[in-house]
Amino acid sequence: MDIEQLRHYCLNKKAATEVFPFDDSTLVFKVLGKMFVIAPLDKWDKGEASITLKCDPEYTIALRERYASIYPGPYVSNRHWNTVAIHKGELKPQFILELIDHSYDMVVKGMTKKQRDILSGY
């Protein structure tokens, strides 16, 4: 998966947007203003592509125990977020997309009813 494939996949989700809220090299995908993917572009340029994803706390632990390519990420709650190494070859692209879907779903699940109603209108 390259950065354009990631962008295409994330931006095709309902109400998804991309922004650089932290600096010029950290791309963030949001749904109605809530982050679901963090992608540090400077690492992609160095061949160390990774993304940080929201995750159910129990699933977070299970994933880290099973995969060396999934680990606690910097600057986020390690209970609710995992960093996923993209190019280590351990994880199949389809599984990475499923993890992105899970992140998006977790963010939507945490929204208020009003926000979910707005989302259903997209």
PDB file of N, CA and C in Angstrom:
ATOM      1  N   MET A   1       0.851  -1.178   0.000  1.00  0.00           N
ATOM      2  CA  MET A   1       0.000   0.000   0.000  1.00  0.00           C
ATOM      3  C   MET A   1       0.895   1.238   0.000  1.00  0.00           C
ATOM      4  N   ASP A   2       0.588   2.158  -0.915  1.00  0.00           N
ATOM      5  CA  ASP A   2       1.311   3.422  -0.914  1.00  0.00           C
ATOM      6  C   ASP A   2       0.378   4.521  -0.384  1.00  0.00           C
ATOM      7  N   ILE A   3       0.904   5.719  -0.265  1.00  0.00           N
ATOM      8  CA  ILE A   3       0.147   6.794   0.364  1.00  0.00           C
ATOM      9  C   ILE A   3      -1.086   7.173  -0.464  1.00  0.00           C
ATOM     10  N   GLU A   4      -0.996   7.087  -1.782  1.00  0.00           N
ATOM     11  CA  GLU A   4      -2.162   7.421  -2.609  1.00  0.00           C
ATOM     12  C   GLU A   4      -3.267   6.380  -2.458  1.00  0.00           C
ATOM     13  N   GLN A   5      -2.907   5.117  -2.312  1.00  0.00           N
ATOM     14  CA  GLN A   5      -3.910   4.081  -2.063  1.00  0.00           C
ATOM     15  C   GLN A   5      -4.582   4.320  -0.712  1.00  0.00           C
ATOM     16  N   LEU A   6      -3.786   4.695   0.287  1.00  0.00           N
ATOM     17  CA  LEU A   6      -4.337   5.001   1.609  1.00  0.00           C
ATOM     18  C   LEU A   6      -5.296   6.187   1.511  1.00  0.00           C
ATOM     19  N   ARG A   7      -4.878   7.239   0.853  1.00  0.00           N
ATOM     20  CA  ARG A   7      -5.725   8.431   0.694  1.00  0.00           C
ATOM     21  C   ARG A   7      -7.042   8.079   0.009  1.00  0.00           C
ATOM     22  N   HIS A   8      -6.945   7.357  -1.074  1.00  0.00           N
ATOM     23  CA  HIS A   8      -8.143   6.980  -1.822  1.00  0.00           C
ATOM     24  C   HIS A   8      -9.100   6.173  -0.942  1.00  0.00           C
ATOM     25  N   TYR A   9      -8.553   5.209  -0.222  1.00  0.00           N
ATOM     26  CA  TYR A   9      -9.403   4.351   0.614  1.00  0.00           C
ATOM     27  C   TYR A   9     -10.077   5.162   1.718  1.00  0.00           C
ATOM     28  N   CYS A  10      -9.304   5.982   2.404  1.00  0.00           N
ATOM     29  CA  CYS A  10      -9.849   6.760   3.522  1.00  0.00           C
ATOM     30  C   CYS A  10     -10.853   7.812   3.054  1.00  0.00           C
ATOM     31  N   LEU A  11     -10.548   8.491   1.958  1.00  0.00           N
ATOM     32  CA  LEU A  11     -11.425   9.565   1.490  1.00  0.00           C
ATOM     33  C   LEU A  11     -12.719   9.046   0.881  1.00  0.00           C
ATOM     34  N   ASN A  12     -12.769   7.768   0.564  1.00  0.00           N
ATOM     35  CA  ASN A  12     -14.014   7.179   0.061  1.00  0.00           C
ATOM     36  C   ASN A  12     -14.965   6.787   1.187  1.00  0.00           C
ATOM     37  N   LYS A  13     -14.551   6.955   2.424  1.00  0.00           N
ATOM     38  CA  LYS A  13     -15.440   6.690   3.551  1.00  0.00           C
ATOM     39  C   LYS A  13     -16.378   7.884   3.721  1.00  0.00           C
ATOM     40  N   LYS A  14     -17.552   7.603   4.198  1.00  0.00           N
ATOM     41  CA  LYS A  14     -18.588   8.626   4.363  1.00  0.00           C
ATOM     42  C   LYS A  14     -18.094   9.768   5.258  1.00  0.00           C
ATOM     43  N   ALA A  15     -18.177  10.994   4.735  1.00  0.00           N
ATOM     44  CA  ALA A  15     -17.840  12.235   5.445  1.00  0.00           C
ATOM     45  C   ALA A  15     -16.369  12.351   5.831  1.00  0.00           C
ATOM     46  N   ALA A  16     -15.497  11.591   5.172  1.00  0.00           N
ATOM     47  CA  ALA A  16     -14.065  11.641   5.496  1.00  0.00           C
ATOM     48  C   ALA A  16     -13.404  12.853   4.861  1.00  0.00           C
ATOM     49  N   THR A  17     -12.470  13.425   5.609  1.00  0.00           N
ATOM     50  CA  THR A  17     -11.666  14.544   5.130  1.00  0.00           C
ATOM     51  C   THR A  17     -10.212  14.287   5.507  1.00  0.00           C
ATOM     52  N   GLU A  18      -9.313  15.017   4.856  1.00  0.00           N
ATOM     53  CA  GLU A  18      -7.894  14.937   5.205  1.00  0.00           C
ATOM     54  C   GLU A  18      -7.399  16.314   5.594  1.00  0.00           C
ATOM     55  N   VAL A  19      -6.569  16.366   6.619  1.00  0.00           N
ATOM     56  CA  VAL A  19      -6.033  17.629   7.114  1.00  0.00           C
ATOM     57  C   VAL A  19      -4.617  17.403   7.637  1.00  0.00           C
ATOM     58  N   PHE A  20      -3.922  18.519   7.868  1.00  0.00           N
ATOM     59  CA  PHE A  20      -2.598  18.496   8.492  1.00  0.00           C
ATOM     60  C   PHE A  20      -2.685  19.340   9.765  1.00  0.00           C
ATOM     61  N   PRO A  21      -3.316  18.832  10.824  1.00  0.00           N
ATOM     62  CA  PRO A  21      -3.555  19.656  12.006  1.00  0.00           C
ATOM     63  C   PRO A  21      -2.333  19.856  12.904  1.00  0.00           C
ATOM     64  N   PHE A  22      -1.335  19.009  12.777  1.00  0.00           N
ATOM     65  CA  PHE A  22      -0.199  19.062  13.696  1.00  0.00           C
ATOM     66  C   PHE A  22       1.024  19.735  13.079  1.00  0.00           C
ATOM     67  N   ASP A  23       1.337  19.358  11.847  1.00  0.00           N
ATOM     68  CA  ASP A  23       2.495  19.900  11.133  1.00  0.00           C
ATOM     69  C   ASP A  23       2.346  19.563   9.654  1.00  0.00           C
ATOM     70  N   ASP A  24       3.341  19.926   8.858  1.00  0.00           N
ATOM     71  CA  ASP A  24       3.260  19.715   7.409  1.00  0.00           C
ATOM     72  C   ASP A  24       3.482  18.271   6.985  1.00  0.00           C
ATOM     73  N   SER A  25       3.870  17.411   7.906  1.00  0.00           N
ATOM     74  CA  SER A  25       4.192  16.044   7.510  1.00  0.00           C
ATOM     75  C   SER A  25       3.314  14.979   8.176  1.00  0.00           C
ATOM     76  N   THR A  26       2.311  15.398   8.919  1.00  0.00           N
ATOM     77  CA  THR A  26       1.429  14.422   9.560  1.00  0.00           C
ATOM     78  C   THR A  26       0.025  14.564   8.981  1.00  0.00           C
ATOM     79  N   LEU A  27      -0.291  13.647   8.074  1.00  0.00           N
ATOM     80  CA  LEU A  27      -1.593  13.619   7.425  1.00  0.00           C
ATOM     81  C   LEU A  27      -2.587  12.909   8.330  1.00  0.00           C
ATOM     82  N   VAL A  28      -3.743  13.534   8.524  1.00  0.00           N
ATOM     83  CA  VAL A  28      -4.769  12.964   9.396  1.00  0.00           C
ATOM     84  C   VAL A  28      -6.080  12.868   8.622  1.00  0.00           C
ATOM     85  N   PHE A  29      -6.711  11.718   8.718  1.00  0.00           N
ATOM     86  CA  PHE A  29      -8.030  11.523   8.129  1.00  0.00           C
ATOM     87  C   PHE A  29      -9.047  11.572   9.245  1.00  0.00           C
ATOM     88  N   LYS A  30     -10.122  12.334   9.001  1.00  0.00           N
ATOM     89  CA  LYS A  30     -11.152  12.533  10.016  1.00  0.00           C
ATOM     90  C   LYS A  30     -12.521  12.221   9.431  1.00  0.00           C
ATOM     91  N   VAL A  31     -13.434  11.863  10.324  1.00  0.00           N
ATOM     92  CA  VAL A  31     -14.840  11.751   9.982  1.00  0.00           C
ATOM     93  C   VAL A  31     -15.582  12.728  10.888  1.00  0.00           C
ATOM     94  N   LEU A  32     -16.243  13.687  10.296  1.00  0.00           N
ATOM     95  CA  LEU A  32     -16.930  14.763  11.039  1.00  0.00           C
ATOM     96  C   LEU A  32     -16.039  15.367  12.121  1.00  0.00           C
ATOM     97  N   GLY A  33     -14.788  15.617  11.767  1.00  0.00           N
ATOM     98  CA  GLY A  33     -13.859  16.273  12.680  1.00  0.00           C
ATOM     99  C   GLY A  33     -13.183  15.374  13.690  1.00  0.00           C
ATOM    100  N   LYS A  34     -13.429  14.080  13.653  1.00  0.00           N
ATOM    101  CA  LYS A  34     -12.828  13.126  14.596  1.00  0.00           C
ATOM    102  C   LYS A  34     -11.809  12.259  13.860  1.00  0.00           C
ATOM    103  N   MET A  35     -10.601  12.168  14.392  1.00  0.00           N
ATOM    104  CA  MET A  35      -9.527  11.415  13.749  1.00  0.00           C
ATOM    105  C   MET A  35      -9.803   9.911  13.727  1.00  0.00           C
ATOM    106  N   PHE A  36      -9.496   9.288  12.563  1.00  0.00           N
ATOM    107  CA  PHE A  36      -9.528   7.830  12.511  1.00  0.00           C
ATOM    108  C   PHE A  36      -8.244   7.241  11.934  1.00  0.00           C
ATOM    109  N   VAL A  37      -7.421   8.037  11.247  1.00  0.00           N
ATOM    110  CA  VAL A  37      -6.114   7.588  10.763  1.00  0.00           C
ATOM    111  C   VAL A  37      -5.122   8.741  10.886  1.00  0.00           C
ATOM    112  N   ILE A  38      -3.942   8.426  11.409  1.00  0.00           N
ATOM    113  CA  ILE A  38      -2.833   9.375  11.469  1.00  0.00           C
ATOM    114  C   ILE A  38      -1.694   8.758  10.659  1.00  0.00           C
ATOM    115  N   ALA A  39      -1.198   9.497   9.681  1.00  0.00           N
ATOM    116  CA  ALA A  39      -0.138   8.978   8.808  1.00  0.00           C
ATOM    117  C   ALA A  39       1.031   9.959   8.756  1.00  0.00           C
ATOM    118  N   PRO A  40       2.128   9.664   9.452  1.00  0.00           N
ATOM    119  CA  PRO A  40       3.306  10.533   9.401  1.00  0.00           C
ATOM    120  C   PRO A  40       4.048  10.365   8.075  1.00  0.00           C
ATOM    121  N   LEU A  41       3.902  11.327   7.183  1.00  0.00           N
ATOM    122  CA  LEU A  41       4.440  11.212   5.833  1.00  0.00           C
ATOM    123  C   LEU A  41       5.959  11.152   5.785  1.00  0.00           C
ATOM    124  N   ASP A  42       6.636  11.773   6.756  1.00  0.00           N
ATOM    125  CA  ASP A  42       8.096  11.731   6.747  1.00  0.00           C
ATOM    126  C   ASP A  42       8.608  10.296   6.872  1.00  0.00           C
ATOM    127  N   LYS A  43       7.864   9.442   7.565  1.00  0.00           N
ATOM    128  CA  LYS A  43       8.266   8.037   7.672  1.00  0.00           C
ATOM    129  C   LYS A  43       8.004   7.287   6.373  1.00  0.00           C
ATOM    130  N   TRP A  44       6.937   7.655   5.652  1.00  0.00           N
ATOM    131  CA  TRP A  44       6.647   7.012   4.366  1.00  0.00           C
ATOM    132  C   TRP A  44       7.792   7.283   3.395  1.00  0.00           C
ATOM    133  N   ASP A  45       8.319   8.503   3.429  1.00  0.00           N
ATOM    134  CA  ASP A  45       9.417   8.878   2.538  1.00  0.00           C
ATOM    135  C   ASP A  45      10.690   8.099   2.843  1.00  0.00           C
ATOM    136  N   LYS A  46      10.834   7.616   4.065  1.00  0.00           N
ATOM    137  CA  LYS A  46      12.030   6.875   4.474  1.00  0.00           C
ATOM    138  C   LYS A  46      11.847   5.364   4.369  1.00  0.00           C
ATOM    139  N   GLY A  47      10.713   4.920   3.818  1.00  0.00           N
ATOM    140  CA  GLY A  47      10.459   3.487   3.711  1.00  0.00           C
ATOM    141  C   GLY A  47      10.011   2.857   5.009  1.00  0.00           C
ATOM    142  N   GLU A  48       9.575   3.680   5.953  1.00  0.00           N
ATOM    143  CA  GLU A  48       9.116   3.196   7.259  1.00  0.00           C
ATOM    144  C   GLU A  48       7.638   3.521   7.446  1.00  0.00           C
ATOM    145  N   ALA A  49       6.847   3.300   6.412  1.00  0.00           N
ATOM    146  CA  ALA A  49       5.438   3.687   6.428  1.00  0.00           C
ATOM    147  C   ALA A  49       4.688   3.064   7.594  1.00  0.00           C
ATOM    148  N   SER A  50       3.919   3.909   8.260  1.00  0.00           N
ATOM    149  CA  SER A  50       3.066   3.439   9.351  1.00  0.00           C
ATOM    150  C   SER A  50       1.833   4.331   9.419  1.00  0.00           C
ATOM    151  N   ILE A  51       0.802   3.792  10.045  1.00  0.00           N
ATOM    152  CA  ILE A  51      -0.399   4.572  10.319  1.00  0.00           C
ATOM    153  C   ILE A  51      -0.807   4.277  11.757  1.00  0.00           C
ATOM    154  N   THR A  52      -1.438   5.234  12.377  1.00  0.00           N
ATOM    155  CA  THR A  52      -1.948   5.051  13.729  1.00  0.00           C
ATOM    156  C   THR A  52      -3.467   5.066  13.647  1.00  0.00           C
ATOM    157  N   LEU A  53      -4.068   4.044  14.277  1.00  0.00           N
ATOM    158  CA  LEU A  53      -5.506   3.801  14.143  1.00  0.00           C
ATOM    159  C   LEU A  53      -6.185   3.648  15.485  1.00  0.00           C
ATOM    160  N   LYS A  54      -7.393   4.142  15.575  1.00  0.00           N
ATOM    161  CA  LYS A  54      -8.227   3.940  16.766  1.00  0.00           C
ATOM    162  C   LYS A  54      -8.602   2.459  16.827  1.00  0.00           C
ATOM    163  N   CYS A  55      -8.742   1.957  18.056  1.00  0.00           N
ATOM    164  CA  CYS A  55      -9.004   0.529  18.196  1.00  0.00           C
ATOM    165  C   CYS A  55      -9.711   0.250  19.520  1.00  0.00           C
ATOM    166  N   ASP A  56     -10.583  -0.739  19.502  1.00  0.00           N
ATOM    167  CA  ASP A  56     -11.217  -1.205  20.728  1.00  0.00           C
ATOM    168  C   ASP A  56     -10.118  -1.634  21.703  1.00  0.00           C
ATOM    169  N   PRO A  57     -10.200  -1.229  22.982  1.00  0.00           N
ATOM    170  CA  PRO A  57      -9.119  -1.524  23.928  1.00  0.00           C
ATOM    171  C   PRO A  57      -8.741  -3.009  24.041  1.00  0.00           C
ATOM    172  N   GLU A  58      -9.705  -3.894  24.031  1.00  0.00           N
ATOM    173  CA  GLU A  58      -9.370  -5.321  24.119  1.00  0.00           C
ATOM    174  C   GLU A  58      -8.712  -5.806  22.834  1.00  0.00           C
ATOM    175  N   TYR A  59      -9.195  -5.346  21.711  1.00  0.00           N
ATOM    176  CA  TYR A  59      -8.620  -5.720  20.420  1.00  0.00           C
ATOM    177  C   TYR A  59      -7.219  -5.141  20.277  1.00  0.00           C
ATOM    178  N   THR A  60      -7.001  -3.958  20.848  1.00  0.00           N
ATOM    179  CA  THR A  60      -5.686  -3.323  20.820  1.00  0.00           C
ATOM    180  C   THR A  60      -4.636  -4.277  21.375  1.00  0.00           C
ATOM    181  N   ILE A  61      -4.922  -4.831  22.528  1.00  0.00           N
ATOM    182  CA  ILE A  61      -3.978  -5.737  23.189  1.00  0.00           C
ATOM    183  C   ILE A  61      -3.794  -7.011  22.379  1.00  0.00           C
ATOM    184  N   ALA A  62      -4.889  -7.583  21.914  1.00  0.00           N
ATOM    185  CA  ALA A  62      -4.811  -8.833  21.144  1.00  0.00           C
ATOM    186  C   ALA A  62      -3.964  -8.644  19.885  1.00  0.00           C
ATOM    187  N   LEU A  63      -4.141  -7.528  19.204  1.00  0.00           N
ATOM    188  CA  LEU A  63      -3.361  -7.271  17.992  1.00  0.00           C
ATOM    189  C   LEU A  63      -1.879  -7.142  18.303  1.00  0.00           C
ATOM    190  N   ARG A  64      -1.536  -6.429  19.366  1.00  0.00           N
ATOM    191  CA  ARG A  64      -0.125  -6.258  19.731  1.00  0.00           C
ATOM    192  C   ARG A  64       0.530  -7.577  20.119  1.00  0.00           C
ATOM    193  N   GLU A  65      -0.236  -8.439  20.767  1.00  0.00           N
ATOM    194  CA  GLU A  65       0.309  -9.735  21.165  1.00  0.00           C
ATOM    195  C   GLU A  65       0.537 -10.643  19.965  1.00  0.00           C
ATOM    196  N   ARG A  66      -0.263 -10.468  18.934  1.00  0.00           N
ATOM    197  CA  ARG A  66      -0.194 -11.365  17.777  1.00  0.00           C
ATOM    198  C   ARG A  66       0.776 -10.891  16.695  1.00  0.00           C
ATOM    199  N   TYR A  67       0.902  -9.571  16.519  1.00  0.00           N
ATOM    200  CA  TYR A  67       1.687  -9.035  15.403  1.00  0.00           C
ATOM    201  C   TYR A  67       2.787  -8.089  15.890  1.00  0.00           C
ATOM    202  N   ALA A  68       4.001  -8.336  15.460  1.00  0.00           N
ATOM    203  CA  ALA A  68       5.114  -7.438  15.787  1.00  0.00           C
ATOM    204  C   ALA A  68       4.962  -6.095  15.075  1.00  0.00           C
ATOM    205  N   SER A  69       4.223  -6.076  13.979  1.00  0.00           N
ATOM    206  CA  SER A  69       4.032  -4.852  13.196  1.00  0.00           C
ATOM    207  C   SER A  69       2.967  -3.926  13.769  1.00  0.00           C
ATOM    208  N   ILE A  70       2.345  -4.322  14.881  1.00  0.00           N
ATOM    209  CA  ILE A  70       1.342  -3.489  15.535  1.00  0.00           C
ATOM    210  C   ILE A  70       1.817  -3.219  16.960  1.00  0.00           C
ATOM    211  N   TYR A  71       1.920  -1.950  17.308  1.00  0.00           N
ATOM    212  CA  TYR A  71       2.523  -1.575  18.583  1.00  0.00           C
ATOM    213  C   TYR A  71       1.950  -0.245  19.071  1.00  0.00           C
ATOM    214  N   PRO A  72       2.218   0.118  20.332  1.00  0.00           N
ATOM    215  CA  PRO A  72       1.735   1.406  20.851  1.00  0.00           C
ATOM    216  C   PRO A  72       2.349   2.560  20.052  1.00  0.00           C
ATOM    217  N   GLY A  73       1.547   3.550  19.791  1.00  0.00           N
ATOM    218  CA  GLY A  73       2.031   4.675  18.998  1.00  0.00           C
ATOM    219  C   GLY A  73       2.391   5.878  19.845  1.00  0.00           C
ATOM    220  N   PRO A  74       3.167   6.789  19.268  1.00  0.00           N
ATOM    221  CA  PRO A  74       3.540   8.002  19.994  1.00  0.00           C
ATOM    222  C   PRO A  74       2.404   9.026  20.007  1.00  0.00           C
ATOM    223  N   TYR A  75       2.320   9.778  21.061  1.00  0.00           N
ATOM    224  CA  TYR A  75       1.421  10.932  21.174  1.00  0.00           C
ATOM    225  C   TYR A  75      -0.066  10.610  21.209  1.00  0.00           C
ATOM    226  N   VAL A  76      -0.431   9.354  21.420  1.00  0.00           N
ATOM    227  CA  VAL A  76      -1.838   8.964  21.478  1.00  0.00           C
ATOM    228  C   VAL A  76      -2.058   8.062  22.689  1.00  0.00           C
ATOM    229  N   SER A  77      -3.306   7.886  23.069  1.00  0.00           N
ATOM    230  CA  SER A  77      -3.648   6.968  24.146  1.00  0.00           C
ATOM    231  C   SER A  77      -3.353   5.541  23.686  1.00  0.00           C
ATOM    232  N   ASN A  78      -2.433   4.892  24.360  1.00  0.00           N
ATOM    233  CA  ASN A  78      -2.063   3.536  23.956  1.00  0.00           C
ATOM    234  C   ASN A  78      -3.138   2.519  24.296  1.00  0.00           C
ATOM    235  N   ARG A  79      -4.134   2.928  25.012  1.00  0.00           N
ATOM    236  CA  ARG A  79      -5.264   2.038  25.305  1.00  0.00           C
ATOM    237  C   ARG A  79      -6.223   1.978  24.117  1.00  0.00           C
ATOM    238  N   HIS A  80      -6.319   3.085  23.385  1.00  0.00           N
ATOM    239  CA  HIS A  80      -7.308   3.202  22.311  1.00  0.00           C
ATOM    240  C   HIS A  80      -6.723   3.324  20.906  1.00  0.00           C
ATOM    241  N   TRP A  81      -5.408   3.361  20.780  1.00  0.00           N
ATOM    242  CA  TRP A  81      -4.777   3.555  19.474  1.00  0.00           C
ATOM    243  C   TRP A  81      -3.608   2.599  19.297  1.00  0.00           C
ATOM    244  N   ASN A  82      -3.440   2.102  18.079  1.00  0.00           N
ATOM    245  CA  ASN A  82      -2.303   1.271  17.691  1.00  0.00           C
ATOM    246  C   ASN A  82      -1.607   1.903  16.502  1.00  0.00           C
ATOM    247  N   THR A  83      -0.298   1.720  16.436  1.00  0.00           N
ATOM    248  CA  THR A  83       0.443   2.072  15.235  1.00  0.00           C
ATOM    249  C   THR A  83       0.694   0.787  14.465  1.00  0.00           C
ATOM    250  N   VAL A  84       0.491   0.863  13.155  1.00  0.00           N
ATOM    251  CA  VAL A  84       0.603  -0.300  12.280  1.00  0.00           C
ATOM    252  C   VAL A  84       1.708  -0.031  11.261  1.00  0.00           C
ATOM    253  N   ALA A  85       2.762  -0.842  11.295  1.00  0.00           N
ATOM    254  CA  ALA A  85       3.837  -0.738  10.303  1.00  0.00           C
ATOM    255  C   ALA A  85       3.332  -1.336   8.996  1.00  0.00           C
ATOM    256  N   ILE A  86       3.334  -0.540   7.951  1.00  0.00           N
ATOM    257  CA  ILE A  86       2.759  -0.946   6.669  1.00  0.00           C
ATOM    258  C   ILE A  86       3.697  -1.831   5.856  1.00  0.00           C
ATOM    259  N   HIS A  87       4.969  -1.475   5.777  1.00  0.00           N
ATOM    260  CA  HIS A  87       5.871  -2.130   4.841  1.00  0.00           C
ATOM    261  C   HIS A  87       6.787  -3.184   5.459  1.00  0.00           C
ATOM    262  N   LYS A  88       6.468  -3.691   6.598  1.00  0.00           N
ATOM    263  CA  LYS A  88       7.293  -4.760   7.160  1.00  0.00           C
ATOM    264  C   LYS A  88       6.963  -6.108   6.535  1.00  0.00           C
ATOM    265  N   GLY A  89       5.842  -6.184   5.811  1.00  0.00           N
ATOM    266  CA  GLY A  89       5.484  -7.401   5.105  1.00  0.00           C
ATOM    267  C   GLY A  89       4.721  -8.419   5.928  1.00  0.00           C
ATOM    268  N   GLU A  90       4.556  -8.164   7.211  1.00  0.00           N
ATOM    269  CA  GLU A  90       3.855  -9.111   8.075  1.00  0.00           C
ATOM    270  C   GLU A  90       2.346  -9.085   7.843  1.00  0.00           C
ATOM    271  N   LEU A  91       1.814  -7.902   7.561  1.00  0.00           N
ATOM    272  CA  LEU A  91       0.368  -7.735   7.452  1.00  0.00           C
ATOM    273  C   LEU A  91      -0.058  -7.625   5.992  1.00  0.00           C
ATOM    274  N   LYS A  92      -1.071  -8.376   5.631  1.00  0.00           N
ATOM    275  CA  LYS A  92      -1.599  -8.327   4.264  1.00  0.00           C
ATOM    276  C   LYS A  92      -2.378  -7.017   4.076  1.00  0.00           C
ATOM    277  N   PRO A  93      -2.325  -6.463   2.866  1.00  0.00           N
ATOM    278  CA  PRO A  93      -3.039  -5.200   2.612  1.00  0.00           C
ATOM    279  C   PRO A  93      -4.521  -5.259   2.988  1.00  0.00           C
ATOM    280  N   GLN A  94      -5.186  -6.357   2.716  1.00  0.00           N
ATOM    281  CA  GLN A  94      -6.614  -6.477   3.048  1.00  0.00           C
ATOM    282  C   GLN A  94      -6.837  -6.357   4.557  1.00  0.00           C
ATOM    283  N   PHE A  95      -5.928  -6.926   5.362  1.00  0.00           N
ATOM    284  CA  PHE A  95      -6.046  -6.831   6.809  1.00  0.00           C
ATOM    285  C   PHE A  95      -5.839  -5.394   7.273  1.00  0.00           C
ATOM    286  N   ILE A  96      -4.910  -4.682   6.652  1.00  0.00           N
ATOM    287  CA  ILE A  96      -4.688  -3.271   6.993  1.00  0.00           C
ATOM    288  C   ILE A  96      -5.952  -2.465   6.701  1.00  0.00           C
ATOM    289  N   LEU A  97      -6.600  -2.752   5.577  1.00  0.00           N
ATOM    290  CA  LEU A  97      -7.858  -2.060   5.253  1.00  0.00           C
ATOM    291  C   LEU A  97      -8.935  -2.384   6.285  1.00  0.00           C
ATOM    292  N   GLU A  98      -8.973  -3.618   6.752  1.00  0.00           N
ATOM    293  CA  GLU A  98      -9.934  -3.992   7.799  1.00  0.00           C
ATOM    294  C   GLU A  98      -9.655  -3.235   9.092  1.00  0.00           C
ATOM    295  N   LEU A  99      -8.389  -3.016   9.409  1.00  0.00           N
ATOM    296  CA  LEU A  99      -8.037  -2.242  10.605  1.00  0.00           C
ATOM    297  C   LEU A  99      -8.453  -0.778  10.446  1.00  0.00           C
ATOM    298  N   ILE A 100      -8.318  -0.240   9.239  1.00  0.00           N
ATOM    299  CA  ILE A 100      -8.791   1.129   8.967  1.00  0.00           C
ATOM    300  C   ILE A 100     -10.304   1.192   9.138  1.00  0.00           C
ATOM    301  N   ASP A 101     -11.011   0.195   8.613  1.00  0.00           N
ATOM    302  CA  ASP A 101     -12.466   0.136   8.778  1.00  0.00           C
ATOM    303  C   ASP A 101     -12.843   0.094  10.255  1.00  0.00           C
ATOM    304  N   HIS A 102     -12.121  -0.707  11.027  1.00  0.00           N
ATOM    305  CA  HIS A 102     -12.401  -0.816  12.466  1.00  0.00           C
ATOM    306  C   HIS A 102     -12.193   0.542  13.147  1.00  0.00           C
ATOM    307  N   SER A 103     -11.128   1.239  12.777  1.00  0.00           N
ATOM    308  CA  SER A 103     -10.856   2.550  13.345  1.00  0.00           C
ATOM    309  C   SER A 103     -12.001   3.523  13.038  1.00  0.00           C
ATOM    310  N   TYR A 104     -12.394   3.565  11.777  1.00  0.00           N
ATOM    311  CA  TYR A 104     -13.505   4.433  11.363  1.00  0.00           C
ATOM    312  C   TYR A 104     -14.768   4.082  12.157  1.00  0.00           C
ATOM    313  N   ASP A 105     -15.069   2.794  12.243  1.00  0.00           N
ATOM    314  CA  ASP A 105     -16.260   2.350  12.969  1.00  0.00           C
ATOM    315  C   ASP A 105     -16.204   2.710  14.450  1.00  0.00           C
ATOM    316  N   MET A 106     -15.020   2.624  15.053  1.00  0.00           N
ATOM    317  CA  MET A 106     -14.868   2.991  16.466  1.00  0.00           C
ATOM    318  C   MET A 106     -15.140   4.483  16.672  1.00  0.00           C
ATOM    319  N   VAL A 107     -14.658   5.292  15.752  1.00  0.00           N
ATOM    320  CA  VAL A 107     -14.891   6.733  15.861  1.00  0.00           C
ATOM    321  C   VAL A 107     -16.380   7.037  15.707  1.00  0.00           C
ATOM    322  N   VAL A 108     -17.020   6.431  14.733  1.00  0.00           N
ATOM    323  CA  VAL A 108     -18.455   6.651  14.523  1.00  0.00           C
ATOM    324  C   VAL A 108     -19.251   6.172  15.733  1.00  0.00           C
ATOM    325  N   LYS A 109     -18.871   5.043  16.279  1.00  0.00           N
ATOM    326  CA  LYS A 109     -19.553   4.485  17.462  1.00  0.00           C
ATOM    327  C   LYS A 109     -19.485   5.454  18.652  1.00  0.00           C
ATOM    328  N   GLY A 110     -18.397   6.192  18.756  1.00  0.00           N
ATOM    329  CA  GLY A 110     -18.221   7.131  19.863  1.00  0.00           C
ATOM    330  C   GLY A 110     -18.901   8.476  19.661  1.00  0.00           C
ATOM    331  N   MET A 111     -19.516   8.671  18.516  1.00  0.00           N
ATOM    332  CA  MET A 111     -20.179   9.945  18.232  1.00  0.00           C
ATOM    333  C   MET A 111     -21.523  10.039  18.953  1.00  0.00           C
ATOM    334  N   THR A 112     -21.959  11.260  19.098  1.00  0.00           N
ATOM    335  CA  THR A 112     -23.282  11.491  19.666  1.00  0.00           C
ATOM    336  C   THR A 112     -24.332  11.066  18.647  1.00  0.00           C
ATOM    337  N   LYS A 113     -25.555  10.921  19.098  1.00  0.00           N
ATOM    338  CA  LYS A 113     -26.657  10.572  18.192  1.00  0.00           C
ATOM    339  C   LYS A 113     -26.807  11.640  17.117  1.00  0.00           C
ATOM    340  N   LYS A 114     -26.670  12.888  17.503  1.00  0.00           N
ATOM    341  CA  LYS A 114     -26.790  13.990  16.553  1.00  0.00           C
ATOM    342  C   LYS A 114     -25.714  13.878  15.466  1.00  0.00           C
ATOM    343  N   GLN A 115     -24.497  13.576  15.862  1.00  0.00           N
ATOM    344  CA  GLN A 115     -23.426  13.426  14.886  1.00  0.00           C
ATOM    345  C   GLN A 115     -23.679  12.237  13.952  1.00  0.00           C
ATOM    346  N   ARG A 116     -24.154  11.139  14.512  1.00  0.00           N
ATOM    347  CA  ARG A 116     -24.478   9.965  13.683  1.00  0.00           C
ATOM    348  C   ARG A 116     -25.614  10.273  12.715  1.00  0.00           C
ATOM    349  N   ASP A 117     -26.567  11.071  13.150  1.00  0.00           N
ATOM    350  CA  ASP A 117     -27.659  11.488  12.272  1.00  0.00           C
ATOM    351  C   ASP A 117     -27.121  12.337  11.113  1.00  0.00           C
ATOM    352  N   ILE A 118     -26.203  13.240  11.414  1.00  0.00           N
ATOM    353  CA  ILE A 118     -25.566  14.055  10.377  1.00  0.00           C
ATOM    354  C   ILE A 118     -24.828  13.138   9.391  1.00  0.00           C
ATOM    355  N   LEU A 119     -24.101  12.174   9.928  1.00  0.00           N
ATOM    356  CA  LEU A 119     -23.341  11.248   9.099  1.00  0.00           C
ATOM    357  C   LEU A 119     -24.262  10.441   8.169  1.00  0.00           C
ATOM    358  N   SER A 120     -25.413  10.055   8.681  1.00  0.00           N
ATOM    359  CA  SER A 120     -26.323   9.263   7.849  1.00  0.00           C
ATOM    360  C   SER A 120     -26.871  10.053   6.669  1.00  0.00           C
ATOM    361  N   GLY A 121     -26.775  11.381   6.740  1.00  0.00           N
ATOM    362  CA  GLY A 121     -27.229  12.235   5.664  1.00  0.00           C
ATOM    363  C   GLY A 121     -26.230  12.370   4.507  1.00  0.00           C
ATOM    364  N   TYR A 122     -25.040  11.815   4.657  1.00  0.00           N
ATOM    365  CA  TYR A 122     -24.016  11.905   3.595  1.00  0.00           C
ATOM    366  C   TYR A 122     -24.260  10.851   2.548  1.00  0.00           C
TER     367      TYR A 122
END
